[in-house]
Amino acid sequence: MSKFSIRIEIFKEGEAYVALSPELNVSSFGGTIEEAKSAIKEAIEAFMEECEKMGTLEDVLEEAGFTKNSDIWISRAPIMEECLSLAV
């Protein structure tokens, strides 16, 4: 069994908290931050279990920018984060 370090983001949308795993493009939600965190964990686990059944988990993780260090898969960390303002 491998271990995973996965970055998540949580946003407030109306009355709900939306949790997102940007690298895996998996999201879920909850009424509180803790509910959203629990829901995203379940959603990521289900996603990974399905990938494992299909035999594509390692390919999916590598394509998403994860690296493996011993038995731990680590998500890529941004070296910079910035908000851009655009006029279209």
N, C-alpha and C. Protein backbone atom coordinates (compact mmCIF):
# COMPACT_ATOMS: atom_id res chain seq x y z
N MET A 1 0.85 -1.18 0.00
CA MET A 1 0.00 0.00 0.00
C MET A 1 0.90 1.25 0.00
N SER A 2 0.63 2.14 -0.90
CA SER A 2 1.38 3.40 -0.99
C SER A 2 0.70 4.46 -0.16
N LYS A 3 1.47 5.47 0.22
CA LYS A 3 0.93 6.63 0.92
C LYS A 3 0.98 7.82 -0.02
N PHE A 4 0.12 8.81 0.25
CA PHE A 4 -0.01 9.94 -0.64
C PHE A 4 -0.01 11.25 0.14
N SER A 5 0.65 12.24 -0.41
CA SER A 5 0.60 13.61 0.09
C SER A 5 -0.03 14.43 -1.02
N ILE A 6 -1.25 14.89 -0.79
CA ILE A 6 -2.04 15.54 -1.84
C ILE A 6 -2.48 16.92 -1.38
N ARG A 7 -2.23 17.90 -2.22
CA ARG A 7 -2.64 19.28 -1.92
C ARG A 7 -4.13 19.44 -2.24
N ILE A 8 -4.83 20.10 -1.33
CA ILE A 8 -6.24 20.43 -1.59
C ILE A 8 -6.44 21.92 -1.37
N GLU A 9 -7.46 22.45 -2.00
CA GLU A 9 -7.88 23.83 -1.82
C GLU A 9 -9.33 23.81 -1.39
N ILE A 10 -9.70 24.74 -0.53
CA ILE A 10 -11.10 24.82 -0.09
C ILE A 10 -11.60 26.24 -0.33
N PHE A 11 -12.77 26.33 -0.96
CA PHE A 11 -13.40 27.60 -1.29
C PHE A 11 -14.79 27.64 -0.68
N LYS A 12 -15.25 28.81 -0.36
CA LYS A 12 -16.63 28.98 0.10
C LYS A 12 -17.45 29.43 -1.10
N GLU A 13 -18.50 28.67 -1.39
CA GLU A 13 -19.42 29.02 -2.48
C GLU A 13 -20.82 29.03 -1.90
N GLY A 14 -21.36 30.21 -1.70
CA GLY A 14 -22.67 30.33 -1.07
C GLY A 14 -22.58 29.81 0.36
N GLU A 15 -23.41 28.85 0.69
CA GLU A 15 -23.40 28.27 2.03
C GLU A 15 -22.53 27.03 2.13
N ALA A 16 -21.97 26.57 1.02
CA ALA A 16 -21.18 25.34 1.01
C ALA A 16 -19.68 25.63 0.92
N TYR A 17 -18.90 24.67 1.39
CA TYR A 17 -17.45 24.70 1.23
C TYR A 17 -17.09 23.66 0.18
N VAL A 18 -16.38 24.09 -0.84
CA VAL A 18 -15.98 23.20 -1.93
C VAL A 18 -14.51 22.88 -1.77
N ALA A 19 -14.18 21.60 -1.78
CA ALA A 19 -12.80 21.14 -1.67
C ALA A 19 -12.36 20.61 -3.04
N LEU A 20 -11.15 20.97 -3.44
CA LEU A 20 -10.64 20.61 -4.76
C LEU A 20 -9.23 20.08 -4.63
N SER A 21 -8.96 19.00 -5.33
CA SER A 21 -7.59 18.51 -5.52
C SER A 21 -7.21 18.92 -6.93
N PRO A 22 -6.45 20.03 -7.09
CA PRO A 22 -6.18 20.56 -8.43
C PRO A 22 -5.43 19.58 -9.34
N GLU A 23 -4.45 18.87 -8.79
CA GLU A 23 -3.66 17.96 -9.63
C GLU A 23 -4.50 16.80 -10.16
N LEU A 24 -5.43 16.30 -9.36
CA LEU A 24 -6.25 15.17 -9.77
C LEU A 24 -7.58 15.59 -10.39
N ASN A 25 -7.91 16.87 -10.29
CA ASN A 25 -9.17 17.40 -10.78
C ASN A 25 -10.36 16.65 -10.15
N VAL A 26 -10.27 16.45 -8.84
CA VAL A 26 -11.32 15.80 -8.06
C VAL A 26 -11.84 16.84 -7.08
N SER A 27 -13.15 16.92 -6.94
CA SER A 27 -13.72 17.88 -6.00
C SER A 27 -14.87 17.26 -5.23
N SER A 28 -15.21 17.89 -4.13
CA SER A 28 -16.36 17.51 -3.33
C SER A 28 -16.77 18.72 -2.49
N PHE A 29 -17.72 18.57 -1.60
CA PHE A 29 -18.18 19.72 -0.84
C PHE A 29 -18.75 19.27 0.50
N GLY A 30 -18.99 20.25 1.37
CA GLY A 30 -19.61 19.99 2.66
C GLY A 30 -20.15 21.29 3.23
N GLY A 31 -20.91 21.18 4.29
CA GLY A 31 -21.50 22.34 4.94
C GLY A 31 -20.52 23.09 5.82
N THR A 32 -19.42 22.41 6.19
CA THR A 32 -18.36 23.02 6.97
C THR A 32 -17.02 22.68 6.31
N ILE A 33 -15.97 23.34 6.76
CA ILE A 33 -14.64 23.03 6.22
C ILE A 33 -14.29 21.58 6.53
N GLU A 34 -14.56 21.13 7.75
CA GLU A 34 -14.23 19.74 8.11
C GLU A 34 -15.03 18.74 7.28
N GLU A 35 -16.30 19.03 7.01
CA GLU A 35 -17.10 18.14 6.16
C GLU A 35 -16.55 18.11 4.74
N ALA A 36 -16.11 19.26 4.24
CA ALA A 36 -15.54 19.33 2.89
C ALA A 36 -14.23 18.54 2.83
N LYS A 37 -13.40 18.65 3.88
CA LYS A 37 -12.15 17.89 3.92
C LYS A 37 -12.41 16.39 3.96
N SER A 38 -13.39 15.98 4.74
CA SER A 38 -13.74 14.56 4.81
C SER A 38 -14.29 14.06 3.48
N ALA A 39 -15.12 14.89 2.85
CA ALA A 39 -15.72 14.51 1.57
C ALA A 39 -14.66 14.41 0.46
N ILE A 40 -13.69 15.33 0.43
CA ILE A 40 -12.65 15.27 -0.62
C ILE A 40 -11.77 14.06 -0.39
N LYS A 41 -11.50 13.72 0.86
CA LYS A 41 -10.71 12.53 1.15
C LYS A 41 -11.40 11.29 0.60
N GLU A 42 -12.70 11.16 0.84
CA GLU A 42 -13.47 10.03 0.32
C GLU A 42 -13.48 10.02 -1.21
N ALA A 43 -13.64 11.19 -1.83
CA ALA A 43 -13.68 11.28 -3.28
C ALA A 43 -12.33 10.90 -3.89
N ILE A 44 -11.24 11.36 -3.28
CA ILE A 44 -9.90 11.02 -3.79
C ILE A 44 -9.64 9.53 -3.62
N GLU A 45 -10.02 8.96 -2.47
CA GLU A 45 -9.84 7.53 -2.26
C GLU A 45 -10.61 6.72 -3.29
N ALA A 46 -11.85 7.11 -3.58
CA ALA A 46 -12.65 6.41 -4.58
C ALA A 46 -12.02 6.53 -5.97
N PHE A 47 -11.53 7.72 -6.31
CA PHE A 47 -10.87 7.95 -7.59
C PHE A 47 -9.64 7.05 -7.72
N MET A 48 -8.82 7.01 -6.67
CA MET A 48 -7.60 6.21 -6.71
C MET A 48 -7.90 4.71 -6.75
N GLU A 49 -8.91 4.28 -6.01
CA GLU A 49 -9.30 2.87 -6.05
C GLU A 49 -9.73 2.47 -7.45
N GLU A 50 -10.48 3.32 -8.12
CA GLU A 50 -10.92 3.03 -9.49
C GLU A 50 -9.73 2.98 -10.44
N CYS A 51 -8.81 3.94 -10.30
CA CYS A 51 -7.60 3.92 -11.14
C CYS A 51 -6.80 2.65 -10.90
N GLU A 52 -6.70 2.24 -9.64
CA GLU A 52 -5.97 1.02 -9.28
C GLU A 52 -6.62 -0.20 -9.94
N LYS A 53 -7.95 -0.28 -9.90
CA LYS A 53 -8.67 -1.39 -10.53
C LYS A 53 -8.39 -1.45 -12.04
N MET A 54 -8.27 -0.25 -12.65
CA MET A 54 -8.03 -0.17 -14.09
C MET A 54 -6.55 -0.34 -14.44
N GLY A 55 -5.68 -0.35 -13.42
CA GLY A 55 -4.26 -0.50 -13.65
C GLY A 55 -3.59 0.77 -14.16
N THR A 56 -4.20 1.93 -13.88
CA THR A 56 -3.67 3.19 -14.41
C THR A 56 -3.21 4.17 -13.34
N LEU A 57 -3.24 3.75 -12.07
CA LEU A 57 -2.96 4.70 -10.99
C LEU A 57 -1.59 5.35 -11.12
N GLU A 58 -0.56 4.57 -11.33
CA GLU A 58 0.78 5.13 -11.44
C GLU A 58 0.89 6.11 -12.60
N ASP A 59 0.33 5.76 -13.75
CA ASP A 59 0.34 6.65 -14.91
C ASP A 59 -0.40 7.95 -14.62
N VAL A 60 -1.56 7.84 -13.99
CA VAL A 60 -2.37 9.03 -13.66
C VAL A 60 -1.59 9.94 -12.72
N LEU A 61 -0.98 9.37 -11.70
CA LEU A 61 -0.23 10.18 -10.73
C LEU A 61 0.97 10.86 -11.39
N GLU A 62 1.72 10.14 -12.19
CA GLU A 62 2.87 10.74 -12.87
C GLU A 62 2.44 11.85 -13.82
N GLU A 63 1.36 11.61 -14.56
CA GLU A 63 0.85 12.62 -15.49
C GLU A 63 0.37 13.87 -14.75
N ALA A 64 -0.10 13.69 -13.51
CA ALA A 64 -0.59 14.81 -12.71
C ALA A 64 0.54 15.55 -11.99
N GLY A 65 1.79 15.08 -12.17
CA GLY A 65 2.92 15.78 -11.58
C GLY A 65 3.40 15.23 -10.25
N PHE A 66 2.88 14.09 -9.82
CA PHE A 66 3.32 13.48 -8.57
C PHE A 66 4.68 12.81 -8.77
N THR A 67 5.47 12.77 -7.71
CA THR A 67 6.72 12.03 -7.72
C THR A 67 6.68 11.04 -6.56
N LYS A 68 7.40 9.94 -6.73
CA LYS A 68 7.41 8.91 -5.69
C LYS A 68 8.74 8.97 -4.96
N ASN A 69 8.67 9.08 -3.64
CA ASN A 69 9.85 9.08 -2.77
C ASN A 69 9.66 7.93 -1.80
N SER A 70 10.44 6.87 -1.97
CA SER A 70 10.26 5.61 -1.22
C SER A 70 8.86 5.09 -1.53
N ASP A 71 8.00 5.00 -0.53
CA ASP A 71 6.64 4.51 -0.79
C ASP A 71 5.59 5.62 -0.69
N ILE A 72 6.04 6.88 -0.76
CA ILE A 72 5.12 8.01 -0.64
C ILE A 72 5.06 8.78 -1.96
N TRP A 73 3.85 8.94 -2.50
CA TRP A 73 3.61 9.77 -3.67
C TRP A 73 3.37 11.19 -3.19
N ILE A 74 4.12 12.16 -3.73
CA ILE A 74 4.04 13.55 -3.29
C ILE A 74 3.57 14.42 -4.45
N SER A 75 2.55 15.24 -4.19
CA SER A 75 2.05 16.13 -5.24
C SER A 75 3.05 17.27 -5.45
N ARG A 76 3.05 17.78 -6.66
CA ARG A 76 3.96 18.88 -6.95
C ARG A 76 3.55 20.10 -6.13
N ALA A 77 4.54 20.89 -5.77
CA ALA A 77 4.28 22.11 -5.00
C ALA A 77 4.60 23.30 -5.89
N PRO A 78 3.70 24.26 -5.98
CA PRO A 78 3.99 25.43 -6.80
C PRO A 78 5.18 26.22 -6.23
N ILE A 79 6.00 26.73 -7.10
CA ILE A 79 7.10 27.58 -6.64
C ILE A 79 6.63 29.02 -6.49
N MET A 80 5.46 29.29 -7.08
CA MET A 80 4.89 30.63 -6.97
C MET A 80 3.39 30.54 -7.20
N GLU A 81 2.66 31.37 -6.51
CA GLU A 81 1.21 31.43 -6.71
C GLU A 81 0.86 32.90 -6.80
N GLU A 82 0.03 33.23 -7.78
CA GLU A 82 -0.30 34.64 -8.00
C GLU A 82 -1.67 34.73 -8.65
N CYS A 83 -2.39 35.80 -8.35
CA CYS A 83 -3.66 36.08 -9.03
C CYS A 83 -3.38 37.11 -10.12
N LEU A 84 -3.87 36.84 -11.30
CA LEU A 84 -3.71 37.76 -12.42
C LEU A 84 -5.01 38.48 -12.69
N SER A 85 -4.92 39.73 -13.05
CA SER A 85 -6.10 40.50 -13.47
C SER A 85 -6.04 40.65 -14.98
N LEU A 86 -7.10 40.26 -15.66
CA LEU A 86 -7.16 40.31 -17.12
C LEU A 86 -8.39 41.08 -17.57
N ALA A 87 -8.26 41.74 -18.69
CA ALA A 87 -9.41 42.37 -19.34
C ALA A 87 -9.57 41.66 -20.67
N VAL A 88 -10.74 41.10 -20.89
CA VAL A 88 -10.99 40.36 -22.12
C VAL A 88 -12.11 41.03 -22.88
